[in-house]
Protein backbone atom coordinates (compact mmCIF):
# COMPACT_ATOMS: atom_id res chain seq x y z
CA MET A 1 81.06 6.50 -2.07
CA SER A 2 78.22 8.52 -4.38
CA ASN A 3 75.50 10.09 -3.69
CA LEU A 4 73.93 9.29 -7.04
CA GLY A 5 72.27 6.30 -6.22
CA PRO A 6 70.69 7.27 -3.48
CA TYR A 7 68.93 10.68 -4.88
CA ILE A 8 67.71 7.84 -7.73
CA ARG A 9 65.75 5.59 -5.65
CA ASN A 10 64.50 8.44 -4.46
CA LYS A 11 63.34 10.00 -7.37
CA ARG A 12 62.23 6.39 -8.82
CA LEU A 13 60.68 5.61 -5.64
CA ALA A 14 58.52 8.76 -6.14
CA LEU A 15 57.89 7.65 -9.52
CA HIS A 16 57.13 4.77 -8.91
CA ASP A 17 53.87 5.72 -6.33
CA LYS A 18 51.92 7.73 -9.39
CA TYR A 19 52.82 5.75 -12.42
CA ALA A 20 53.21 2.58 -13.69
CA GLY A 21 56.26 1.11 -15.38
CA TYR A 22 59.47 2.53 -12.69
CA SER A 23 60.54 -0.43 -11.15
CA ILE A 24 64.15 -1.53 -10.70
CA ARG A 25 63.26 -3.79 -13.63
CA ASN A 26 61.04 -2.06 -16.18
CA LEU A 27 63.75 1.65 -15.91
CA ALA A 28 66.57 -0.67 -15.65
CA LYS A 29 65.24 -2.59 -18.76
CA ARG A 30 64.56 0.80 -21.15
CA ILE A 31 68.58 2.58 -20.25
CA GLY A 32 70.03 -0.89 -20.83
CA ILE A 33 71.86 -2.28 -17.81
CA HIS A 34 70.77 -4.52 -16.02
CA HIS A 35 68.44 -4.97 -12.95
CA SER A 36 70.90 -6.16 -10.14
CA PHE A 37 73.66 -3.00 -11.41
CA LEU A 38 71.04 -0.59 -10.62
CA SER A 39 69.79 -1.91 -7.48
CA LYS A 40 73.22 -1.94 -5.91
CA LEU A 41 73.96 1.37 -8.20
CA GLU A 42 70.95 2.77 -5.70
CA ARG A 43 72.16 1.05 -2.42
CA GLY A 44 75.81 2.45 -2.99
CA GLU A 45 77.20 -0.66 -3.43
CA ALA A 46 77.95 0.06 -7.21
CA ASP A 47 80.33 2.18 -9.54
CA THR A 48 78.67 5.19 -10.91
CA LEU A 49 77.03 4.54 -14.55
CA SER A 50 78.90 5.93 -18.12
CA GLU A 51 77.58 9.60 -19.31
CA GLU A 52 75.11 8.19 -21.46
CA LYS A 53 73.64 6.17 -18.79
CA ILE A 54 73.24 8.71 -17.14
CA ILE A 55 71.44 10.98 -19.85
CA LEU A 56 69.40 8.13 -20.23
CA ILE A 57 68.25 8.11 -16.53
CA ALA A 58 68.17 11.78 -16.16
CA ARG A 59 65.71 11.49 -19.04
CA GLU A 60 62.97 9.01 -17.26
CA LEU A 61 63.60 10.35 -14.20
CA GLY A 62 62.77 14.14 -15.65
CA GLU A 63 65.90 15.93 -14.16
CA ASP A 64 68.64 17.59 -15.46
CA PRO A 65 71.57 15.10 -16.67
CA ASP A 66 74.49 17.55 -15.09
CA ILE A 67 73.13 17.16 -11.66
CA LEU A 68 73.13 13.55 -11.90
CA MET A 69 76.51 13.84 -13.15
CA ALA A 70 77.68 15.96 -10.59
CA LEU A 71 76.89 13.70 -8.10
CA GLY A 72 78.37 10.64 -9.56
CA GLY A 73 81.63 12.68 -9.09
CA LYS A 74 81.59 13.58 -12.98
CA LEU A 75 81.78 16.63 -15.66
CA SER A 76 79.44 16.06 -19.03
CA GLU A 77 80.91 16.70 -22.22
CA LYS A 78 78.76 19.83 -22.14
CA SER A 79 79.82 21.22 -18.99
CA ILE A 80 83.69 20.86 -19.93
CA GLN A 81 83.14 22.03 -22.97
CA ILE A 82 82.29 25.54 -21.04
CA ILE A 83 85.27 25.52 -18.88
CA LYS A 84 87.59 25.41 -21.56
CA GLU A 85 85.91 28.47 -22.90
CA ASP A 86 86.04 30.92 -20.17
CA PRO A 87 88.57 28.57 -17.44
CA ALA A 88 88.68 31.71 -15.58
CA SER A 89 85.22 32.78 -14.77
CA PHE A 90 84.51 29.34 -13.68
CA ILE A 91 87.04 29.55 -10.98
CA ASN A 92 85.92 32.76 -9.73
CA THR A 93 82.84 31.57 -9.28
CA LEU A 94 83.66 28.09 -7.62
CA ARG A 95 85.73 30.86 -5.20
CA ASN A 96 82.95 33.87 -5.04
CA THR A 97 80.62 30.28 -3.94
CA GLN A 98 83.67 29.18 -1.71
CA HIS A 99 83.97 32.60 0.15
CA GLN A 100 79.89 33.18 0.66
CA SER A 101 79.62 29.25 2.65
CA THR A 102 82.63 30.06 4.69
CA ASN A 103 81.23 33.68 4.69
CA GLU A 104 84.35 36.22 3.19
CA PRO A 105 83.86 38.91 1.73
CA ALA A 106 83.35 37.99 -2.27
CA LYS A 107 85.72 39.85 -4.53
CA PRO A 108 84.12 41.89 -7.10
CA ASP A 109 85.80 40.91 -10.51
CA PHE A 110 84.08 41.50 -14.48
CA TYR A 111 82.99 37.93 -13.98
CA THR A 112 80.85 38.78 -11.24
CA GLN A 113 79.45 41.33 -12.26
CA ARG A 114 79.00 39.46 -15.46
CA LEU A 115 77.28 36.86 -13.87
CA GLU A 116 74.98 39.00 -12.04
CA GLU A 117 74.00 40.59 -15.33
CA ARG A 118 73.39 36.63 -16.34
CA LYS A 119 71.02 36.14 -13.92
CA ALA A 120 69.04 39.03 -14.35
CA GLU A 121 68.05 37.93 -17.77
CA LEU A 122 67.44 34.78 -17.03
CA GLU A 123 64.97 36.22 -14.45
CA GLU A 124 63.62 37.52 -16.69
CA ILE A 125 63.65 35.33 -19.63
CA THR A 126 62.00 33.14 -17.00
CA MET A 127 59.25 35.21 -16.41
CA ARG A 128 58.31 35.20 -20.31
CA LEU A 129 58.46 32.32 -20.27
CA ARG A 130 55.91 31.53 -17.43
CA GLN A 131 53.81 34.27 -19.63
CA GLU A 132 53.65 32.05 -22.65
CA MET A 133 53.36 29.10 -20.51
CA LYS A 134 50.24 30.78 -19.07
CA GLU A 135 49.07 31.41 -22.40
CA ARG A 136 49.22 28.44 -23.98
CA LYS A 137 47.42 27.32 -21.29
CA GLU A 138 44.84 29.36 -21.71
CA ALA A 139 45.06 28.27 -25.81
CA VAL A 140 44.31 24.46 -24.41
CA LYS A 141 41.27 25.93 -22.24
CA ALA A 142 40.13 27.55 -25.66
CA LEU A 143 40.76 24.56 -28.03
CA GLN A 144 38.79 22.37 -25.60
CA LEU A 145 35.63 24.93 -25.94
CA SER A 146 35.96 24.99 -29.31
CA GLU A 147 35.91 20.99 -29.82
CA ALA A 148 32.29 21.59 -31.82
CA ARG A 149 34.85 23.10 -34.11
CA HIS A 150 37.39 20.21 -34.58
CA ARG A 151 34.49 17.97 -34.31
CA ALA A 152 33.25 19.35 -38.13
CA MET A 153 37.43 19.26 -39.29
CA PHE A 154 36.94 15.54 -38.43
CA GLU A 155 34.18 14.76 -39.84
CA ALA A 156 34.91 16.54 -43.42
CA ASN A 157 38.17 15.15 -43.65
CA ALA A 158 39.20 13.92 -46.34
CA ALA A 159 42.09 11.84 -44.90
CA MET A 160 41.24 8.38 -43.02
CA GLN A 161 41.15 9.45 -38.96
CA LEU A 162 40.45 6.86 -35.87
CA ILE A 163 40.38 7.84 -32.50
CA ILE A 164 42.03 4.86 -30.39
CA ASP A 165 42.48 4.43 -26.54
CA PRO A 166 45.94 4.17 -26.10
CA ASP A 167 45.43 1.69 -22.64
CA THR A 168 42.99 -0.72 -24.46
CA GLY A 169 42.98 -0.54 -28.26
CA SER A 170 39.57 -0.21 -28.73
CA ILE A 171 39.03 2.57 -31.56
CA LEU A 172 36.90 5.07 -29.98
CA ASP A 173 35.60 7.14 -33.57
CA ALA A 174 36.18 7.37 -37.01
CA ASN A 175 35.88 9.52 -38.92
CA PRO A 176 33.33 9.13 -42.22
CA ALA A 177 36.61 8.86 -44.68
CA ALA A 178 37.99 5.67 -42.62
CA CYS A 179 34.81 3.86 -41.96
CA ALA A 180 34.92 4.31 -46.33
CA PHE A 181 38.30 2.94 -46.46
CA TYR A 182 37.82 0.10 -44.10
CA GLY A 183 33.94 -0.61 -45.34
CA TYR A 184 32.84 -0.93 -41.83
CA GLU A 185 29.67 1.20 -40.69
CA ARG A 186 30.55 3.92 -38.06
CA ALA A 187 28.48 2.10 -35.49
CA VAL A 188 30.07 -1.07 -36.20
CA MET A 189 34.02 0.97 -36.13
CA GLN A 190 33.52 2.05 -32.50
CA SER A 191 32.84 -1.26 -31.61
CA MET A 192 35.63 -2.34 -32.69
CA ASN A 193 38.96 -2.90 -31.49
CA ILE A 194 42.14 -1.78 -33.57
CA SER A 195 43.39 -4.99 -33.22
CA ASP A 196 40.42 -6.51 -34.93
CA LEU A 197 41.39 -4.65 -38.42
CA ASN A 198 45.30 -5.60 -37.95
CA THR A 199 46.84 -8.87 -38.70
CA LEU A 200 48.95 -8.96 -36.32
CA SER A 201 48.75 -10.87 -33.43
CA GLY A 202 47.33 -9.12 -30.15
CA GLN A 203 50.81 -9.46 -28.12
CA GLU A 204 52.30 -7.11 -30.97
CA VAL A 205 49.32 -4.88 -31.35
CA SER A 206 49.52 -4.38 -27.28
CA PHE A 207 53.26 -3.32 -27.58
CA ALA A 208 52.81 -0.85 -30.21
CA LEU A 209 49.60 0.63 -28.40
CA ASN A 210 52.72 0.95 -25.56
CA GLN A 211 55.38 2.29 -27.79
CA ALA A 212 53.26 5.32 -28.84
CA ARG A 213 51.40 5.69 -25.16
CA ILE A 214 54.99 5.69 -22.55
CA HIS A 215 57.88 6.79 -25.74
CA HIS A 216 55.24 8.82 -27.44
CA GLN A 217 56.61 6.77 -30.87
CA THR A 218 53.93 8.41 -33.74
CA VAL A 219 54.65 6.10 -37.10
CA PHE A 220 53.92 2.35 -36.87
CA SER A 221 53.68 0.40 -40.61
CA PHE A 222 50.64 -2.52 -40.23
CA PRO A 223 49.13 -4.86 -42.25
CA GLN A 224 45.77 -4.73 -41.42
CA LYS A 225 41.88 -5.81 -43.51
CA LYS A 226 38.69 -4.54 -44.68
CA SER A 227 35.73 -5.58 -44.64
CA SER A 228 35.74 -7.76 -47.60
CA GLY A 229 38.67 -9.79 -46.15
CA ARG A 230 41.57 -8.06 -49.11
CA THR A 231 45.01 -6.90 -46.78
CA CYS A 232 46.42 -4.05 -47.70
CA GLU A 233 49.76 -2.00 -46.25
CA VAL A 234 48.56 0.89 -43.86
CA GLU A 235 50.94 3.59 -42.31
CA LEU A 236 49.83 4.89 -38.73
CA ARG A 237 50.27 8.62 -37.90
CA SER A 238 49.34 9.10 -34.12
CA ALA A 239 49.87 11.53 -31.51
CA LEU A 240 48.45 11.98 -27.97
CA VAL A 241 46.25 14.33 -27.62
CA PRO A 242 43.04 15.35 -24.57
CA HIS A 243 39.78 13.99 -25.62
CA ASN A 244 37.64 13.86 -22.94
CA ASP A 245 39.38 14.33 -19.96
CA LYS A 246 41.58 11.50 -21.17
CA MET A 247 44.49 11.50 -23.79
CA VAL A 248 43.97 9.35 -26.79
CA LEU A 249 45.68 8.95 -29.76
CA HIS A 250 44.70 10.38 -33.01
CA SER A 251 46.14 8.97 -35.81
CA ILE A 252 46.09 9.46 -39.72
CA ILE A 253 46.06 6.26 -41.86
CA ILE A 254 47.77 6.33 -45.37
CA ASP A 255 47.51 3.77 -47.73
CA VAL A 256 51.38 2.67 -47.97
CA SER A 257 50.16 -0.73 -50.46
CA GLU A 258 51.46 0.37 -53.62
CA ARG A 259 54.24 2.22 -52.22
CA LYS A 260 55.29 -1.38 -51.04
CA GLN A 261 54.18 -3.52 -53.76
CA LEU A 262 56.54 -1.14 -55.99
CA GLN A 263 59.23 -0.90 -53.39
CA GLU A 264 59.36 -5.34 -53.10
CA SER A 265 59.16 -4.95 -57.20
CA LEU A 266 62.10 -3.25 -57.47
CA LYS A 267 63.73 -5.30 -54.87
CA ARG A 268 62.81 -8.65 -57.10
CA ASP A 269 64.37 -6.61 -60.17
CA SER A 270 67.14 -6.37 -57.99
CA ILE A 271 67.29 -9.73 -57.47
CA ILE A 272 66.83 -11.03 -61.22
CA LYS A 273 69.39 -8.94 -62.23
CA ASP A 274 71.45 -10.55 -60.26
CA ALA A 275 70.83 -13.76 -60.78
CA LEU A 276 71.08 -13.26 -65.05
CA ALA A 277 74.24 -12.01 -64.56
CA ARG A 278 75.35 -14.71 -62.39
CA ALA A 279 74.21 -17.20 -64.50
CA SER A 280 75.53 -15.41 -67.79
CA GLN A 281 78.78 -15.36 -66.47
CA ARG A 282 78.91 -19.05 -65.09
CA LEU A 283 77.72 -20.31 -68.92
CA LEU A 284 79.34 -17.85 -71.20
CA GLY A 285 82.79 -18.48 -68.87
CA GLU A 286 82.67 -22.55 -68.33
CA ALA A 287 82.15 -24.76 -71.11
CA PHE A 288 78.61 -26.85 -70.85
CA SER A 289 76.85 -29.83 -73.00
CA LEU A 290 73.99 -28.38 -74.68
CA GLU A 291 72.21 -30.90 -72.25
CA ASP A 292 73.56 -28.49 -69.11
CA ILE A 293 72.81 -25.38 -70.83
CA SER A 294 69.42 -26.01 -71.56
CA ARG A 295 69.15 -27.84 -67.58
CA ILE A 296 70.61 -24.29 -66.04
CA ILE A 297 68.41 -22.09 -68.37
CA LEU A 298 64.79 -24.18 -67.70
CA ASP A 299 65.89 -23.94 -64.52
CA LYS A 300 66.25 -19.95 -63.70
CA SER A 301 63.10 -19.79 -65.92
CA ARG A 302 61.32 -21.01 -63.77
CA GLU A 303 62.26 -19.73 -60.39
CA LEU A 304 62.65 -16.03 -61.83
CA THR A 305 59.03 -16.12 -62.75
CA GLN A 306 58.09 -18.74 -60.04
CA SER A 307 57.01 -21.18 -62.22
CA ASN A 308 55.73 -24.61 -61.68
CA GLN A 309 55.97 -25.80 -65.06
CA GLY A 310 59.04 -25.10 -68.22
CA LEU A 311 59.87 -25.75 -71.62
CA VAL A 312 63.70 -25.21 -73.34
CA VAL A 313 64.14 -26.59 -76.61
CA SER A 314 66.97 -26.06 -79.16
CA ILE A 315 65.94 -26.68 -82.99
CA GLU A 316 68.40 -28.32 -85.90
CA GLN A 317 68.26 -26.12 -88.50
CA THR A 318 68.45 -28.72 -91.89
CA THR A 319 65.93 -31.04 -90.31
CA GLY A 320 63.82 -28.76 -87.87
CA TYR A 321 63.89 -31.82 -85.84
CA ALA A 322 63.37 -30.07 -82.15
CA TRP A 323 64.67 -31.54 -78.89
CA GLY A 324 65.01 -30.37 -75.17
CA TYR A 325 64.01 -30.83 -71.74
CA ALA A 326 61.04 -30.27 -69.54
CA HIS A 327 59.74 -29.85 -65.95
CA THR A 328 56.21 -30.59 -65.78
CA LEU A 329 54.02 -31.60 -63.09
CA ASP A 330 53.62 -35.35 -62.59
CA SER A 331 50.08 -36.22 -62.59
CA SER A 332 50.55 -40.14 -62.42
CA PRO A 333 49.03 -41.92 -59.43
CA GLY A 334 50.36 -40.50 -56.04
CA LYS A 335 52.58 -38.30 -57.54
CA ALA A 336 49.99 -35.69 -58.64
CA GLY A 337 51.06 -31.48 -59.02
CA LYS A 338 54.72 -32.91 -58.03
CA GLY A 339 57.30 -31.79 -60.69
CA MET A 340 59.59 -33.66 -62.17
CA MET A 341 62.50 -32.82 -65.44
CA LYS A 342 62.08 -34.87 -69.06
CA LYS A 343 63.74 -35.18 -71.83
CA ILE A 344 61.47 -34.51 -74.91
CA SER A 345 62.27 -34.49 -78.86
CA PHE A 346 59.47 -33.25 -81.56
CA ILE A 347 59.22 -33.09 -85.16
CA PRO A 348 57.69 -31.18 -87.06
CA ASP A 349 54.78 -31.46 -89.06
CA SER A 350 54.53 -31.71 -92.91
CA ARG A 351 53.37 -27.45 -92.76
CA GLY A 352 57.01 -26.72 -90.64
CA ARG A 353 54.95 -26.38 -87.35
CA TYR A 354 55.05 -27.61 -84.11
CA PRO A 355 52.02 -29.21 -82.30
CA GLY A 356 50.52 -27.81 -78.98
CA LEU A 357 50.38 -24.80 -77.39
CA TRP A 358 54.21 -24.74 -75.98
CA PHE A 359 54.77 -24.37 -78.61
CA THR A 360 52.98 -21.12 -80.39
CA SER A 361 56.01 -18.88 -80.32
CA ILE A 362 57.83 -20.92 -82.31
CA ASN A 363 55.28 -21.26 -84.88
CA SER A 364 54.38 -17.33 -85.08
CA GLY A 365 57.59 -16.09 -84.13
CA LYS A 366 56.83 -13.93 -82.01
CA THR A 367 56.22 -13.78 -77.55
CA TYR A 368 53.41 -15.70 -76.06
CA LEU A 369 51.76 -14.74 -72.86
CA THR A 370 47.99 -16.14 -71.29
CA ASN A 371 46.68 -15.98 -67.60
CA ASN A 372 43.74 -18.00 -68.90
CA ALA A 373 45.19 -21.18 -70.49
CA PRO A 374 42.80 -23.64 -70.52
CA GLU A 375 40.04 -21.99 -72.49
CA ASP A 376 43.24 -21.15 -75.66
CA HIS A 377 43.61 -25.79 -75.43
CA ASP A 378 40.49 -26.06 -77.13
CA LYS A 379 42.63 -24.01 -80.14
CA HIS A 380 45.37 -26.60 -80.22
CA GLU A 381 45.15 -30.18 -80.91
CA ASP A 382 47.57 -33.43 -80.25
CA LEU A 383 49.60 -31.81 -77.63
CA ILE A 384 52.46 -34.24 -76.48
CA LEU A 385 53.96 -32.32 -73.54
CA ASP A 386 50.89 -32.45 -70.11
CA PRO A 387 49.32 -28.81 -70.54
CA PRO A 388 49.72 -25.51 -68.53
CA ARG A 389 46.46 -25.84 -66.16
CA ASN A 390 46.83 -21.62 -65.50
CA SER A 391 49.22 -19.82 -67.78
CA LEU A 392 51.79 -19.97 -70.06
CA LEU A 393 54.48 -17.43 -71.14
CA SER A 394 56.49 -18.36 -74.61
CA ILE A 395 59.51 -16.71 -76.38
CA PRO A 396 61.09 -17.41 -79.55
CA VAL A 397 64.73 -18.28 -79.26
CA MET A 398 66.40 -16.27 -82.10
CA ASP A 399 70.01 -16.71 -84.21
CA LYS A 400 72.17 -13.88 -82.80
CA ASP A 401 73.30 -13.21 -86.46
CA SER A 402 69.78 -13.49 -88.39
CA PRO A 403 65.94 -13.74 -87.65
CA ARG A 404 66.10 -17.48 -87.93
CA VAL A 405 64.27 -19.25 -84.91
CA ILE A 406 66.32 -21.83 -83.35
CA GLY A 407 64.34 -22.52 -80.51
CA LEU A 408 62.28 -21.86 -76.68
CA ILE A 409 61.96 -21.09 -73.73
CA ALA A 410 58.04 -21.05 -72.30
CA VAL A 411 57.05 -21.12 -68.94
CA ALA A 412 53.68 -21.95 -67.25
CA ASP A 413 51.26 -22.33 -64.38
CA SER A 414 53.08 -19.36 -62.07
CA ILE A 415 52.26 -18.69 -58.29
CA ARG A 416 50.88 -15.33 -60.13
CA GLN A 417 49.97 -14.05 -63.15
CA TYR A 418 52.47 -12.93 -65.66
CA THR A 419 53.46 -9.66 -65.87
CA PRO A 420 55.74 -7.49 -68.89
CA PRO A 421 58.54 -7.75 -66.48
CA ASP A 422 58.43 -11.74 -66.94
CA ILE A 423 58.68 -11.12 -70.83
CA GLY A 424 61.90 -9.29 -70.05
CA VAL A 425 63.41 -11.94 -68.01
CA ILE A 426 62.52 -15.06 -70.18
CA ASN A 427 63.98 -12.77 -73.48
CA ASP A 428 66.76 -11.85 -71.86
CA LEU A 429 67.36 -15.52 -70.70
CA ALA A 430 66.38 -16.44 -74.24
CA VAL A 431 69.48 -13.91 -75.25
CA LEU A 432 71.55 -15.71 -73.33
CA TYR A 433 70.55 -19.09 -74.92
CA SER A 434 71.37 -17.89 -78.26
CA LEU A 435 74.87 -16.46 -77.21
CA CYS A 436 75.25 -19.86 -75.43
CA LEU A 437 73.77 -22.22 -79.30
CA HIS A 438 76.14 -19.90 -81.50
CA ARG A 439 79.34 -20.74 -79.11
CA LEU A 440 78.35 -24.32 -78.92
CA GLY A 441 78.26 -24.40 -82.98
CA GLU A 442 81.60 -22.51 -82.83
CA GLU A 443 82.97 -25.18 -81.12
CA ASN A 444 81.86 -28.20 -82.96
CA ALA A 445 82.45 -26.27 -86.06
CA ALA A 446 86.59 -26.07 -85.13
CA LYS A 447 86.31 -29.66 -83.76
CA GLU A 448 85.52 -30.57 -87.29
CA SER A 449 87.96 -28.66 -89.52
CA LYS A 450 90.90 -29.96 -87.52
CA ASN A 451 89.27 -33.50 -88.29
């Protein structure tokens, strides 16, 4: 029977008497085994653990992993490597140990002498380490005595800093930079809990504090809210430090909102590029009718710009007759706010212009963008389609071989404001629509020539 289990039990129980978190269940969970197996192991009813698990449990108990490996009848990879590098020295050491245990005189040799020399070296290193530890303790004491100087550094530092009780989450102190960032008076901050700033649940906040206190995790990312109600993404870099005879979390707060937005923007750009590539491959690689192409372009335009309304039309060049599809908000009773797809057609007026705000880019031949559509309605009359309610992005579709306007792609009422990247998306779709219209024209011409 291995001596490992009883040894682990004695060490665990000794720690359990002093600290929380050393029950069989807690310890087994931290090292990644079932608590019933650990219980059997402690009673000597189970086989020994793997080297990886022995190293983990040694760290938890503050023990030497090699000793636990030996108690379990194993040698660590490190020990095996040492033996392989100098097997003769290892055998001599074992023999000398055996001689000492049987009161037989040891046979002095080169390896024994080298071991004695090494022992002396280690004793000297140990003395130096003890001296260093003594000096460090004195340094810590000196730091405690100079608390006023460090307090000044805390107060005057431009970096936002919080002192947090890791057990309760209470904010013990906040420097002026942190107060200005969150928008609270210092006295108010000192009466708050870190969960008052976080938008996470209380359970999630408690878990993070526990990770910092027990497992010494140092970096956390949280969505937090300011006194204004505005949400921001912050990164907390924390360390356990002594403060008034208690270990507390000294946290430096970094606003990473812009970095997160950039990451999301890059992710969205990648998604859009993939979507445009798939749409191009599909529309240019298969045979579709003009109606199907227009509907696909319309759906993709609304999807990639997160728009509620959209319009895609093509223009018959000889007559100026324009037709296509629109996805607008149904304002009929019982359906207000719901979207519907409908086929539409338009005839230009005597000046060759099309009515309404939707067709601004066809009339001008230029991109039109507004995030304040209701005000612009006053400048246009005789709207045929339901007007945009908030915003509008309208881009003309140009012929691939000439500067003629041959169609229009427009989107409206996005869940956010339109930005230059949205112009790029609709421009790319306008080029794709132009290529599809050109290909259809060539196919129709080929059919007519055959007839």
